[in-house]
């Protein structure tokens, strides 16, 4: 009898977050390869815990939950709710509470985390910026939600890599989507427009955020500001096949960073646990790489 795994991804499927769609595709393919019953669901930040609790109340058992929590507080609530009830693999999330929970997780139940190395990702983007914007100037970092550890670690890696001649500004997006990129740039522009803003580059933490910034700049009413800001190089993250990589190849993005799907490794580790009782590593990482390869 094969095990059932609930894979819960952040956001809504209809928002077309290309990275989360890649996560879904990879989860289903990996589950099929390892004879696991994989159920994929999406939920916005405020609804993730409810969706998990509702599924666990159904008669059909869930042997493990693979989830990318939208916030650190959601991570803490999941640890309290699921301890002793089912296996758990957290994606792109880490906090001291995770390490503490690992010591007392339910007997015989898998527990671990799989994450992109977000610090390395930020450093790759910083190296890309140093090559693309070697003259320094102002760079706007458009981050994902700061309540996520991924956004915090990416920004820290970027700051670590940039040279002293670069003035790093930042704007926070509420999500990782194009619409959120439009809003984040708008919030920044309302404050900085009185300063005759000029940017050497925009370093967005997803390709969708970068495209949102481009759309927002193109919609500016001030022609002078619009012309100045359209000269900024746009950098993204994820480089999903058919979206981010295509945007780089077409010249819409100066560079991106390939972010491998984490669901595949999580499900492979769960399969090894159930087949061979091989414990999951507490922390596993997938390695980001620059796109194009010569950009960093």
Protein backbone atom coordinates (compact mmCIF):
# COMPACT_ATOMS: atom_id res chain seq x y z
CA UNK A 1 0.00 0.00 0.00
CA UNK A 2 1.51 3.33 -1.04
CA UNK A 3 1.69 6.28 1.29
CA UNK A 4 -0.32 9.49 0.91
CA UNK A 5 1.48 12.83 0.93
CA UNK A 6 -0.27 16.20 1.04
CA UNK A 7 1.82 18.85 -0.75
CA UNK A 8 0.59 22.34 0.15
CA UNK A 9 2.05 25.25 -1.80
CA UNK A 10 1.62 28.98 -1.10
CA UNK A 11 -0.68 31.25 -3.07
CA UNK A 12 -3.38 30.31 -5.56
CA UNK A 13 -2.89 28.18 -8.66
CA UNK A 14 -4.69 30.75 -10.83
CA UNK A 15 -2.08 33.38 -9.90
CA UNK A 16 0.36 31.58 -12.24
CA UNK A 17 3.37 31.71 -9.93
CA UNK A 18 5.66 29.82 -12.28
CA UNK A 19 7.95 28.52 -9.53
CA UNK A 20 5.06 27.07 -7.53
CA UNK A 21 3.64 25.50 -10.69
CA UNK A 22 7.07 23.92 -11.20
CA UNK A 23 6.90 22.67 -7.61
CA UNK A 24 3.52 21.07 -8.35
CA UNK A 25 4.69 19.46 -11.60
CA UNK A 26 7.81 18.07 -9.93
CA UNK A 27 5.84 16.71 -6.96
CA UNK A 28 3.40 14.83 -9.16
CA UNK A 29 6.15 13.38 -11.36
CA UNK A 30 8.27 12.31 -8.36
CA UNK A 31 5.27 10.78 -6.59
CA UNK A 32 4.41 8.73 -9.65
CA UNK A 33 8.00 7.53 -9.96
CA UNK A 34 8.10 6.37 -6.32
CA UNK A 35 4.54 5.01 -6.13
CA UNK A 36 3.34 7.67 -3.70
CA UNK A 37 -0.17 9.13 -3.69
CA UNK A 38 0.51 12.85 -3.94
CA UNK A 39 -2.24 15.38 -3.34
CA UNK A 40 -1.29 18.94 -4.31
CA UNK A 41 -3.19 21.95 -2.97
CA UNK A 42 -2.58 25.69 -2.91
CA UNK A 43 -3.50 28.09 -0.12
CA UNK A 44 -2.74 31.75 0.63
CA UNK A 45 -0.85 32.59 3.80
CA UNK A 46 -3.90 33.12 6.00
CA UNK A 47 -5.48 29.79 4.98
CA UNK A 48 -2.62 27.29 5.05
CA UNK A 49 -3.22 25.91 8.54
CA UNK A 50 -6.98 25.55 7.97
CA UNK A 51 -6.42 23.58 4.75
CA UNK A 52 -4.04 21.17 6.49
CA UNK A 53 -6.33 20.67 9.50
CA UNK A 54 -9.35 20.08 7.27
CA UNK A 55 -7.52 17.41 5.24
CA UNK A 56 -6.34 15.61 8.39
CA UNK A 57 -9.95 15.33 9.56
CA UNK A 58 -10.91 13.33 6.47
CA UNK A 59 -11.18 9.51 6.80
CA UNK A 60 -8.33 8.78 4.39
CA UNK A 61 -5.04 9.08 6.33
CA UNK A 62 -2.19 11.42 5.40
CA UNK A 63 1.24 9.90 6.03
CA UNK A 64 3.16 13.16 5.59
CA UNK A 65 2.65 16.82 4.80
CA UNK A 66 5.09 18.68 2.55
CA UNK A 67 4.46 22.39 2.88
CA UNK A 68 6.05 25.75 2.14
CA UNK A 69 4.84 27.95 5.00
CA UNK A 70 4.18 31.54 3.96
CA UNK A 71 5.33 33.01 7.28
CA UNK A 72 7.48 32.11 10.27
CA UNK A 73 4.39 32.23 12.49
CA UNK A 74 2.67 29.68 10.23
CA UNK A 75 5.73 27.45 10.63
CA UNK A 76 5.40 27.58 14.41
CA UNK A 77 1.67 26.80 14.28
CA UNK A 78 2.24 23.83 11.95
CA UNK A 79 4.86 22.38 14.28
CA UNK A 80 2.41 22.51 17.20
CA UNK A 81 -0.53 21.19 15.21
CA UNK A 82 1.15 18.27 13.43
CA UNK A 83 3.58 16.95 16.07
CA UNK A 84 2.68 13.33 16.80
CA UNK A 85 0.00 13.22 14.08
CA UNK A 86 1.86 12.86 10.78
CA UNK A 87 5.18 13.29 9.05
CA UNK A 88 6.30 16.75 8.02
CA UNK A 89 8.74 18.23 5.52
CA UNK A 90 9.04 22.02 5.53
CA UNK A 91 10.09 23.73 2.31
CA UNK A 92 12.07 26.97 2.29
CA UNK A 93 11.51 27.57 5.99
CA UNK A 94 13.76 27.56 9.03
CA UNK A 95 13.62 28.85 12.58
CA UNK A 96 14.99 27.76 15.97
CA UNK A 97 11.59 26.19 16.65
CA UNK A 98 12.17 23.71 13.82
CA UNK A 99 15.35 22.37 15.39
CA UNK A 100 13.61 22.08 18.75
CA UNK A 101 10.62 20.23 17.24
CA UNK A 102 12.89 17.69 15.54
CA UNK A 103 14.00 16.37 18.94
CA UNK A 104 10.49 15.38 19.96
CA UNK A 105 8.67 14.61 16.70
CA UNK A 106 6.33 11.63 16.67
CA UNK A 107 8.02 8.25 16.85
CA UNK A 108 8.34 6.58 13.47
CA UNK A 109 7.19 9.69 11.61
CA UNK A 110 9.45 11.46 9.10
CA UNK A 111 10.54 15.02 9.79
CA UNK A 112 12.92 17.32 7.93
CA UNK A 113 13.36 20.46 5.86
CA UNK A 114 14.33 21.04 2.24
CA UNK A 115 15.30 24.50 1.14
CA UNK A 116 17.01 26.42 -1.57
CA UNK A 117 20.27 27.85 -0.30
CA UNK A 118 18.82 31.35 -0.19
CA UNK A 119 21.99 32.98 1.10
CA UNK A 120 23.90 31.56 -1.88
CA UNK A 121 21.09 32.71 -4.16
CA UNK A 122 21.41 36.28 -2.87
CA UNK A 123 25.19 36.16 -3.35
CA UNK A 124 24.76 34.95 -6.95
CA UNK A 125 22.42 37.85 -7.66
CA UNK A 126 24.89 40.23 -6.03
CA UNK A 127 27.67 38.94 -8.28
CA UNK A 128 25.41 39.37 -11.32
CA UNK A 129 24.75 42.96 -10.26
CA UNK A 130 28.43 43.71 -9.83
CA UNK A 131 29.05 42.57 -13.40
CA UNK A 132 25.99 44.17 -14.97
CA UNK A 133 26.14 47.42 -12.98
CA UNK A 134 29.90 47.66 -12.45
CA UNK A 135 29.78 51.45 -12.18
CA UNK A 136 27.83 51.36 -8.92
CA UNK A 137 24.86 53.68 -8.51
CA UNK A 138 21.47 52.93 -6.95
CA UNK A 139 19.97 49.45 -6.99
CA UNK A 140 16.42 48.68 -5.92
CA UNK A 141 15.95 45.25 -4.32
CA UNK A 142 12.32 44.13 -4.56
CA UNK A 143 11.94 41.38 -1.97
CA UNK A 144 9.30 38.81 -1.23
CA UNK A 145 7.44 39.07 2.07
CA UNK A 146 9.94 39.81 4.87
CA UNK A 147 7.96 37.52 7.17
CA UNK A 148 9.45 34.63 5.17
CA UNK A 149 12.95 33.42 6.02
CA UNK A 150 13.65 33.00 2.28
CA UNK A 151 13.26 36.72 1.57
CA UNK A 152 15.40 37.66 4.57
CA UNK A 153 18.24 35.29 3.62
CA UNK A 154 18.23 36.35 -0.04
CA UNK A 155 18.49 40.02 0.88
CA UNK A 156 21.29 39.31 3.37
CA UNK A 157 23.26 37.43 0.69
CA UNK A 158 22.78 40.29 -1.76
CA UNK A 159 23.98 42.90 0.74
CA UNK A 160 27.00 40.76 1.57
CA UNK A 161 28.14 40.66 -2.06
CA UNK A 162 27.55 44.18 -3.33
CA UNK A 163 30.50 46.54 -3.35
CA UNK A 164 30.74 49.77 -1.34
CA UNK A 165 29.99 51.94 -4.38
CA UNK A 166 26.41 50.64 -4.65
CA UNK A 167 23.51 52.33 -2.88
CA UNK A 168 21.08 49.48 -2.11
CA UNK A 169 17.45 50.49 -1.67
CA UNK A 170 14.69 48.00 -0.99
CA UNK A 171 10.95 47.57 -1.32
CA UNK A 172 8.89 44.71 0.10
CA UNK A 173 6.24 42.88 -1.89
CA UNK A 174 3.39 41.12 -0.12
CA UNK A 175 3.70 38.08 -2.40
CA UNK A 176 6.05 36.78 -5.12
CA UNK A 177 3.73 37.63 -8.02
CA UNK A 178 3.77 40.19 -10.85
CA UNK A 179 0.85 42.07 -9.29
CA UNK A 180 2.76 42.32 -6.01
CA UNK A 181 5.79 43.66 -7.91
CA UNK A 182 3.65 46.44 -9.38
CA UNK A 183 2.41 47.39 -5.91
CA UNK A 184 5.87 47.23 -4.30
CA UNK A 185 7.39 49.50 -6.95
CA UNK A 186 4.46 51.88 -6.61
CA UNK A 187 5.00 52.13 -2.86
CA UNK A 188 8.71 52.89 -3.39
CA UNK A 189 8.07 55.39 -6.18
CA UNK A 190 5.56 57.41 -4.15
CA UNK A 191 8.31 58.12 -1.64
CA UNK A 192 11.24 58.62 -4.02
CA UNK A 193 9.62 60.44 -6.96
CA UNK A 194 10.32 63.85 -5.40
CA UNK A 195 14.06 63.02 -5.63
CA UNK A 196 14.09 62.64 -9.44
CA UNK A 197 14.71 58.89 -9.09
CA UNK A 198 17.30 57.02 -11.14
CA UNK A 199 18.24 53.35 -10.81
CA UNK A 200 21.13 51.41 -12.26
CA UNK A 201 19.34 48.10 -11.72
CA UNK A 202 16.39 46.39 -10.07
CA UNK A 203 17.17 43.12 -8.28
CA UNK A 204 13.86 41.33 -7.77
CA UNK A 205 13.55 38.14 -5.76
CA UNK A 206 11.41 36.47 -8.42
CA UNK A 207 11.04 36.84 -12.17
CA UNK A 208 7.37 37.73 -11.69
CA UNK A 209 8.29 40.56 -9.32
CA UNK A 210 10.77 41.87 -11.91
CA UNK A 211 8.09 41.89 -14.60
CA UNK A 212 5.73 43.67 -12.22
CA UNK A 213 8.34 46.41 -11.75
CA UNK A 214 8.73 46.73 -15.52
CA UNK A 215 4.96 47.11 -15.94
CA UNK A 216 4.81 49.71 -13.18
CA UNK A 217 7.64 51.77 -14.72
CA UNK A 218 6.00 51.67 -18.16
CA UNK A 219 2.78 53.01 -16.61
CA UNK A 220 4.39 56.06 -14.96
CA UNK A 221 2.73 59.34 -15.91
CA UNK A 222 5.96 61.35 -15.59
CA UNK A 223 7.73 60.88 -18.94
CA UNK A 224 11.13 61.94 -17.60
CA UNK A 225 10.98 59.51 -14.69
CA UNK A 226 9.69 56.77 -16.98
CA UNK A 227 12.62 57.22 -19.39
CA UNK A 228 15.16 57.29 -16.55
CA UNK A 229 13.83 54.17 -14.85
CA UNK A 230 13.38 52.16 -18.05
CA UNK A 231 17.17 52.28 -18.41
CA UNK A 232 17.55 50.19 -15.25
CA UNK A 233 18.67 46.58 -15.76
CA UNK A 234 16.15 44.05 -14.45
CA UNK A 235 17.29 40.92 -12.61
CA UNK A 236 15.03 38.15 -11.38
CA UNK A 237 15.06 34.79 -9.62
CA UNK A 238 13.70 31.30 -10.45
CA UNK A 239 14.46 31.07 -14.20
CA UNK A 240 11.71 28.52 -14.70
CA UNK A 241 11.68 26.81 -18.13
CA UNK A 242 9.30 28.61 -20.45
CA UNK A 243 9.14 31.79 -18.37
CA UNK A 244 12.18 33.24 -16.59
CA UNK A 245 14.72 31.65 -18.91
CA UNK A 246 12.74 32.85 -21.92
CA UNK A 247 12.65 36.40 -20.50
CA UNK A 248 16.44 36.36 -20.16
CA UNK A 249 16.91 34.91 -23.65
CA UNK A 250 14.63 37.59 -25.11
CA UNK A 251 16.42 40.39 -23.24
CA UNK A 252 13.51 41.40 -20.98
CA UNK A 253 15.65 40.37 -17.99
CA UNK A 254 19.39 40.96 -17.79
CA UNK A 255 19.86 37.80 -15.70
CA UNK A 256 18.11 35.40 -13.35
CA UNK A 257 18.97 32.60 -10.92
CA UNK A 258 17.77 29.03 -11.44
CA UNK A 259 15.91 27.87 -8.33
CA UNK A 260 15.39 24.07 -8.45
CA UNK A 261 12.05 22.71 -7.27
CA UNK A 262 12.31 21.40 -3.70
CA UNK A 263 9.32 19.07 -3.77
CA UNK A 264 11.23 16.41 -5.72
CA UNK A 265 13.97 16.04 -3.10
CA UNK A 266 11.40 16.09 -0.28
CA UNK A 267 9.40 13.24 -1.80
CA UNK A 268 12.51 11.23 -2.61
CA UNK A 269 13.59 11.48 1.02
CA UNK A 270 10.12 10.44 2.22
CA UNK A 271 10.19 7.43 -0.11
CA UNK A 272 13.60 6.39 1.26
CA UNK A 273 12.22 6.72 4.81
CA UNK A 274 9.28 4.43 4.15
CA UNK A 275 11.24 1.90 2.12
CA UNK A 276 14.44 1.66 4.16
CA UNK A 277 13.62 3.56 7.39
CA UNK A 278 16.29 6.04 6.38
CA UNK A 279 15.89 9.16 8.55
CA UNK A 280 15.41 12.48 6.80
CA UNK A 281 18.21 15.02 7.19
CA UNK A 282 17.06 17.88 9.36
CA UNK A 283 18.36 20.35 6.75
CA UNK A 284 18.72 19.59 3.04
CA UNK A 285 19.50 22.15 0.37
CA UNK A 286 19.11 22.47 -3.37
CA UNK A 287 21.74 24.60 -5.10
CA UNK A 288 20.80 27.68 -7.15
CA UNK A 289 22.85 28.51 -10.26
CA UNK A 290 23.06 31.68 -12.34
CA UNK A 291 21.24 32.06 -15.63
CA UNK A 292 22.85 32.51 -18.02
CA UNK A 293 25.78 30.57 -16.52
CA UNK A 294 28.26 33.27 -17.52
CA UNK A 295 26.40 35.98 -15.55
CA UNK A 296 28.06 35.14 -12.21
